[in-house]
Structures are given as structure tokens and as C-alpha cells.
Amino acid sequence: MKINIGISEKNLKTIATLLSTVLANEATLYTKTRKAHWNVTGESFMELHKLYEAQYKQLEEAIDEVAERIGKLGQKTIGTMSEFLELASIKEYPGKYTSTKDTIKELLSDHEAVIIQLRKDIDDCAEKIKDAGTADFLTGLMEQHETIAWILRRYLN
């Protein structure tokens, strides 16, 4: 059934493409945070183990919300690792196991990159595509990443 919510079919596809990249970054960051959780060591082990767990659970929820947003717009959602890795700007480093501090730095850098991209996506949705709903949705997602980045940054001061 054709969707009729005041956004052209062309713009619905544009938004779905934008959200698919957001989804790919969320899924990649989720996987990287799980890896950090599984491999954390050192004197702050339990604290960081719990922190990473809370963060990957938050990312898992965000993944589902982004996927559902794509569906609400009448589009199909990607869902394979190869699709995620093809679209993601966040990069993985297979076989690389860094120190606790370097892991935090890498995750922080990834969250900051996501925040920067989300700011651009919010502007595009609001100004070019005129989709206030997706702009608002992405603003909430960006604020979650800002909080995670702030927490990670505190470990580096």
C-alpha cells in the first residue's frame, strides 16, 4: 500500500537511504562496544564492563528504533552485516585489541563522528526534505550519542 504522509515518494526513499546509513553506523558501533565489553581488563574492569554493557544496550535500542523509523516511512530496512559494513562510515579493526585507554578513545571518536553526521542529517531532513519527524527523531538520537561521548570523555581527563 502506498504511504500518504505528506512526503513525496522520492523524499521517502532519500530519507530511508539516510536512515540506512545511520542504522549501519549504529550497528557497527554496537558491535565495537560489545567487543570492548568482552575484552576490557585492568583495575577498572567491572566499572567499564558495566558501562559498556549499558552503552551497547542503549545502542541496541537505537538500532531497533532506526529500523522501525524506516518501516514507518514505508521502506524496507537493511539487516545484514555486509549491508551495514558497506554503508557505515564507522570502521572496524578486526584482530586489533587495544589498551583500555585507546579503546575508550576509539569509541569516543566513533561517537563524535556519529554526532557530526547526525547534525548534518538533521539539517538535511529539516531544511531540504521538510521531514520534521525524522529531524526530531535524529535529534534525540544525537543527544544520546552526546551523553555517551561525554561519559567516555570523562575517562580520558
C-alpha atoms as a PDB file:
ATOM      1  CA  MET A   1       0.000   0.000   0.000  1.00  0.00           C
ATOM      2  CA  LYS A   2       1.257   3.440  -0.915  1.00  0.00           C
ATOM      3  CA  ILE A   3       2.092   5.663   2.047  1.00  0.00           C
ATOM      4  CA  ASN A   4       0.481   9.130   2.189  1.00  0.00           C
ATOM      5  CA  ILE A   5       2.046  11.250   4.942  1.00  0.00           C
ATOM      6  CA  GLY A   6       2.874  14.477   3.097  1.00  0.00           C
ATOM      7  CA  ILE A   7       6.334  13.436   1.901  1.00  0.00           C
ATOM      8  CA  SER A   8       6.943  12.581  -1.742  1.00  0.00           C
ATOM      9  CA  GLU A   9       7.897   9.031  -2.672  1.00  0.00           C
ATOM     10  CA  LYS A  10      11.286  10.305  -3.853  1.00  0.00           C
ATOM     11  CA  ASN A  11      11.924  12.001  -0.492  1.00  0.00           C
ATOM     12  CA  LEU A  12      10.773   8.901   1.409  1.00  0.00           C
ATOM     13  CA  LYS A  13      13.447   6.928  -0.422  1.00  0.00           C
ATOM     14  CA  THR A  14      16.023   9.647   0.268  1.00  0.00           C
ATOM     15  CA  ILE A  15      15.185   9.551   3.980  1.00  0.00           C
ATOM     16  CA  ALA A  16      15.349   5.744   4.017  1.00  0.00           C
ATOM     17  CA  THR A  17      18.809   5.868   2.434  1.00  0.00           C
ATOM     18  CA  LEU A  18      19.940   8.425   5.023  1.00  0.00           C
ATOM     19  CA  LEU A  19      18.473   6.335   7.857  1.00  0.00           C
ATOM     20  CA  SER A  20      20.079   3.168   6.475  1.00  0.00           C
ATOM     21  CA  THR A  21      23.483   4.810   6.893  1.00  0.00           C
ATOM     22  CA  VAL A  22      22.530   5.847  10.425  1.00  0.00           C
ATOM     23  CA  LEU A  23      21.454   2.256  11.082  1.00  0.00           C
ATOM     24  CA  ALA A  24      24.729   0.906   9.680  1.00  0.00           C
ATOM     25  CA  ASN A  25      26.760   3.202  11.957  1.00  0.00           C
ATOM     26  CA  GLU A  26      24.652   2.268  14.987  1.00  0.00           C
ATOM     27  CA  ALA A  27      25.107  -1.457  14.274  1.00  0.00           C
ATOM     28  CA  THR A  28      28.855  -1.098  13.764  1.00  0.00           C
ATOM     29  CA  LEU A  29      29.245   0.965  16.927  1.00  0.00           C
ATOM     30  CA  TYR A  30      27.130  -1.579  18.806  1.00  0.00           C
ATOM     31  CA  THR A  31      29.465  -4.371  17.692  1.00  0.00           C
ATOM     32  CA  LYS A  32      32.551  -2.383  18.641  1.00  0.00           C
ATOM     33  CA  THR A  33      31.088  -1.601  22.065  1.00  0.00           C
ATOM     34  CA  ARG A  34      30.289  -5.307  22.602  1.00  0.00           C
ATOM     35  CA  LYS A  35      33.903  -6.126  21.731  1.00  0.00           C
ATOM     36  CA  ALA A  36      35.093  -3.547  24.271  1.00  0.00           C
ATOM     37  CA  HIS A  37      32.760  -5.066  26.873  1.00  0.00           C
ATOM     38  CA  TRP A  38      34.046  -8.594  26.219  1.00  0.00           C
ATOM     39  CA  ASN A  39      37.723  -7.620  26.265  1.00  0.00           C
ATOM     40  CA  VAL A  40      38.023  -4.996  28.984  1.00  0.00           C
ATOM     41  CA  THR A  41      40.781  -5.628  31.547  1.00  0.00           C
ATOM     42  CA  GLY A  42      42.563  -3.721  34.270  1.00  0.00           C
ATOM     43  CA  GLU A  43      41.815  -2.096  37.557  1.00  0.00           C
ATOM     44  CA  SER A  44      38.574  -0.511  36.300  1.00  0.00           C
ATOM     45  CA  PHE A  45      37.376  -3.804  34.817  1.00  0.00           C
ATOM     46  CA  MET A  46      33.980  -4.091  36.499  1.00  0.00           C
ATOM     47  CA  GLU A  47      33.132  -0.406  36.154  1.00  0.00           C
ATOM     48  CA  LEU A  48      33.957  -0.353  32.427  1.00  0.00           C
ATOM     49  CA  HIS A  49      32.392  -3.773  31.851  1.00  0.00           C
ATOM     50  CA  LYS A  50      29.091  -2.424  33.229  1.00  0.00           C
ATOM     51  CA  LEU A  51      29.485   0.897  31.405  1.00  0.00           C
ATOM     52  CA  TYR A  52      29.999  -0.786  28.027  1.00  0.00           C
ATOM     53  CA  GLU A  53      27.066  -3.091  28.724  1.00  0.00           C
ATOM     54  CA  ALA A  54      24.779  -0.129  29.413  1.00  0.00           C
ATOM     55  CA  GLN A  55      26.027   1.575  26.258  1.00  0.00           C
ATOM     56  CA  TYR A  56      25.594  -1.402  23.950  1.00  0.00           C
ATOM     57  CA  LYS A  57      22.082  -1.938  25.314  1.00  0.00           C
ATOM     58  CA  GLN A  58      21.308   1.700  24.540  1.00  0.00           C
ATOM     59  CA  LEU A  59      22.734   1.247  21.041  1.00  0.00           C
ATOM     60  CA  GLU A  60      20.704  -1.930  20.571  1.00  0.00           C
ATOM     61  CA  GLU A  61      17.530   0.002  21.354  1.00  0.00           C
ATOM     62  CA  ALA A  62      18.584   2.780  18.963  1.00  0.00           C
ATOM     63  CA  ILE A  63      19.159   0.204  16.203  1.00  0.00           C
ATOM     64  CA  ASP A  64      15.612  -1.060  16.583  1.00  0.00           C
ATOM     65  CA  GLU A  65      14.173   2.466  16.640  1.00  0.00           C
ATOM     66  CA  VAL A  66      16.046   3.483  13.468  1.00  0.00           C
ATOM     67  CA  ALA A  67      14.924   0.312  11.692  1.00  0.00           C
ATOM     68  CA  GLU A  68      11.333   0.931  12.758  1.00  0.00           C
ATOM     69  CA  ARG A  69      11.543   4.560  11.586  1.00  0.00           C
ATOM     70  CA  ILE A  70      12.498   3.307   8.123  1.00  0.00           C
ATOM     71  CA  GLY A  71       9.489   0.981   8.196  1.00  0.00           C
ATOM     72  CA  LYS A  72       7.175   3.796   9.319  1.00  0.00           C
ATOM     73  CA  LEU A  73       8.194   5.627   6.173  1.00  0.00           C
ATOM     74  CA  GLY A  74       7.081   2.648   4.087  1.00  0.00           C
ATOM     75  CA  GLN A  75      10.564   1.481   3.169  1.00  0.00           C
ATOM     76  CA  LYS A  76      12.488  -1.779   3.580  1.00  0.00           C
ATOM     77  CA  THR A  77      15.198  -1.995   6.238  1.00  0.00           C
ATOM     78  CA  ILE A  78      18.652  -3.422   5.638  1.00  0.00           C
ATOM     79  CA  GLY A  79      19.732  -6.019   8.161  1.00  0.00           C
ATOM     80  CA  THR A  80      22.879  -7.912   7.228  1.00  0.00           C
ATOM     81  CA  MET A  81      26.435  -7.311   8.385  1.00  0.00           C
ATOM     82  CA  SER A  82      27.628  -6.903   4.792  1.00  0.00           C
ATOM     83  CA  GLU A  83      24.985  -4.205   4.203  1.00  0.00           C
ATOM     84  CA  PHE A  84      25.931  -2.463   7.443  1.00  0.00           C
ATOM     85  CA  LEU A  85      29.649  -2.517   6.675  1.00  0.00           C
ATOM     86  CA  GLU A  86      29.062  -1.285   3.126  1.00  0.00           C
ATOM     87  CA  LEU A  87      27.163   1.790   4.342  1.00  0.00           C
ATOM     88  CA  ALA A  88      28.864   2.561   7.666  1.00  0.00           C
ATOM     89  CA  SER A  89      31.350   5.390   7.992  1.00  0.00           C
ATOM     90  CA  ILE A  90      32.448   3.884  11.327  1.00  0.00           C
ATOM     91  CA  LYS A  91      35.211   1.363  10.682  1.00  0.00           C
ATOM     92  CA  GLU A  92      36.011  -1.911  12.398  1.00  0.00           C
ATOM     93  CA  TYR A  93      39.514  -3.149  13.158  1.00  0.00           C
ATOM     94  CA  PRO A  94      39.415  -6.955  13.148  1.00  0.00           C
ATOM     95  CA  GLY A  95      42.150  -8.618  15.168  1.00  0.00           C
ATOM     96  CA  LYS A  96      43.069  -5.347  16.893  1.00  0.00           C
ATOM     97  CA  TYR A  97      42.924  -5.334  20.697  1.00  0.00           C
ATOM     98  CA  THR A  98      43.902  -2.001  22.200  1.00  0.00           C
ATOM     99  CA  SER A  99      44.604  -0.794  25.705  1.00  0.00           C
ATOM    100  CA  THR A 100      41.694   0.351  27.835  1.00  0.00           C
ATOM    101  CA  LYS A 101      42.555   3.988  27.214  1.00  0.00           C
ATOM    102  CA  ASP A 102      42.898   3.512  23.450  1.00  0.00           C
ATOM    103  CA  THR A 103      39.603   1.591  23.330  1.00  0.00           C
ATOM    104  CA  ILE A 104      37.852   4.479  25.077  1.00  0.00           C
ATOM    105  CA  LYS A 105      39.496   6.950  22.669  1.00  0.00           C
ATOM    106  CA  GLU A 106      38.351   4.931  19.659  1.00  0.00           C
ATOM    107  CA  LEU A 107      34.773   4.614  20.901  1.00  0.00           C
ATOM    108  CA  LEU A 108      34.723   8.320  21.756  1.00  0.00           C
ATOM    109  CA  SER A 109      35.966   9.189  18.280  1.00  0.00           C
ATOM    110  CA  ASP A 110      33.276   6.984  16.744  1.00  0.00           C
ATOM    111  CA  HIS A 111      30.509   8.602  18.796  1.00  0.00           C
ATOM    112  CA  GLU A 112      31.788  12.064  17.885  1.00  0.00           C
ATOM    113  CA  ALA A 113      31.825  11.104  14.193  1.00  0.00           C
ATOM    114  CA  VAL A 114      28.235   9.876  14.507  1.00  0.00           C
ATOM    115  CA  ILE A 115      27.235  13.142  16.222  1.00  0.00           C
ATOM    116  CA  ILE A 116      28.771  15.211  13.407  1.00  0.00           C
ATOM    117  CA  GLN A 117      26.972  13.143  10.754  1.00  0.00           C
ATOM    118  CA  LEU A 118      23.685  13.296  12.643  1.00  0.00           C
ATOM    119  CA  ARG A 119      23.908  17.106  12.813  1.00  0.00           C
ATOM    120  CA  LYS A 120      24.185  17.177   9.009  1.00  0.00           C
ATOM    121  CA  ASP A 121      21.371  14.639   8.630  1.00  0.00           C
ATOM    122  CA  ILE A 122      19.106  16.655  10.951  1.00  0.00           C
ATOM    123  CA  ASP A 123      19.662  19.783   8.866  1.00  0.00           C
ATOM    124  CA  ASP A 124      19.014  17.860   5.630  1.00  0.00           C
ATOM    125  CA  CYS A 125      15.791  16.355   6.984  1.00  0.00           C
ATOM    126  CA  ALA A 126      14.512  19.648   8.354  1.00  0.00           C
ATOM    127  CA  GLU A 127      15.566  22.021   5.577  1.00  0.00           C
ATOM    128  CA  LYS A 128      15.897  20.074   2.327  1.00  0.00           C
ATOM    129  CA  ILE A 129      13.393  17.247   2.772  1.00  0.00           C
ATOM    130  CA  LYS A 130      10.962  19.012   5.129  1.00  0.00           C
ATOM    131  CA  ASP A 131      10.579  15.937   7.362  1.00  0.00           C
ATOM    132  CA  ALA A 132      10.255  17.330  10.873  1.00  0.00           C
ATOM    133  CA  GLY A 133       9.515  13.873  12.305  1.00  0.00           C
ATOM    134  CA  THR A 134      12.801  12.348  11.180  1.00  0.00           C
ATOM    135  CA  ALA A 135      14.703  15.518  12.121  1.00  0.00           C
ATOM    136  CA  ASP A 136      13.235  15.303  15.630  1.00  0.00           C
ATOM    137  CA  PHE A 137      13.943  11.573  15.829  1.00  0.00           C
ATOM    138  CA  LEU A 138      17.574  12.112  14.804  1.00  0.00           C
ATOM    139  CA  THR A 139      17.932  14.959  17.304  1.00  0.00           C
ATOM    140  CA  GLY A 140      17.012  12.584  20.125  1.00  0.00           C
ATOM    141  CA  LEU A 141      19.475  10.015  18.809  1.00  0.00           C
ATOM    142  CA  MET A 142      22.208  12.645  18.580  1.00  0.00           C
ATOM    143  CA  GLU A 143      21.581  13.670  22.186  1.00  0.00           C
ATOM    144  CA  GLN A 144      22.054  10.039  23.274  1.00  0.00           C
ATOM    145  CA  HIS A 145      25.409   9.935  21.481  1.00  0.00           C
ATOM    146  CA  GLU A 146      26.391  13.256  23.051  1.00  0.00           C
ATOM    147  CA  THR A 147      25.754  11.782  26.508  1.00  0.00           C
ATOM    148  CA  ILE A 148      27.746   8.636  25.762  1.00  0.00           C
ATOM    149  CA  ALA A 149      30.596  10.739  24.340  1.00  0.00           C
ATOM    150  CA  TRP A 150      30.575  12.974  27.406  1.00  0.00           C
ATOM    151  CA  ILE A 151      30.825   9.935  29.697  1.00  0.00           C
ATOM    152  CA  LEU A 152      33.663   8.385  27.681  1.00  0.00           C
ATOM    153  CA  ARG A 153      35.487  11.725  27.557  1.00  0.00           C
ATOM    154  CA  ARG A 154      35.427  11.884  31.372  1.00  0.00           C
ATOM    155  CA  TYR A 155      37.580   8.711  31.489  1.00  0.00           C
ATOM    156  CA  LEU A 156      40.289  10.461  29.484  1.00  0.00           C
ATOM    157  CA  ASN A 157      40.668  13.606  31.624  1.00  0.00           C
END
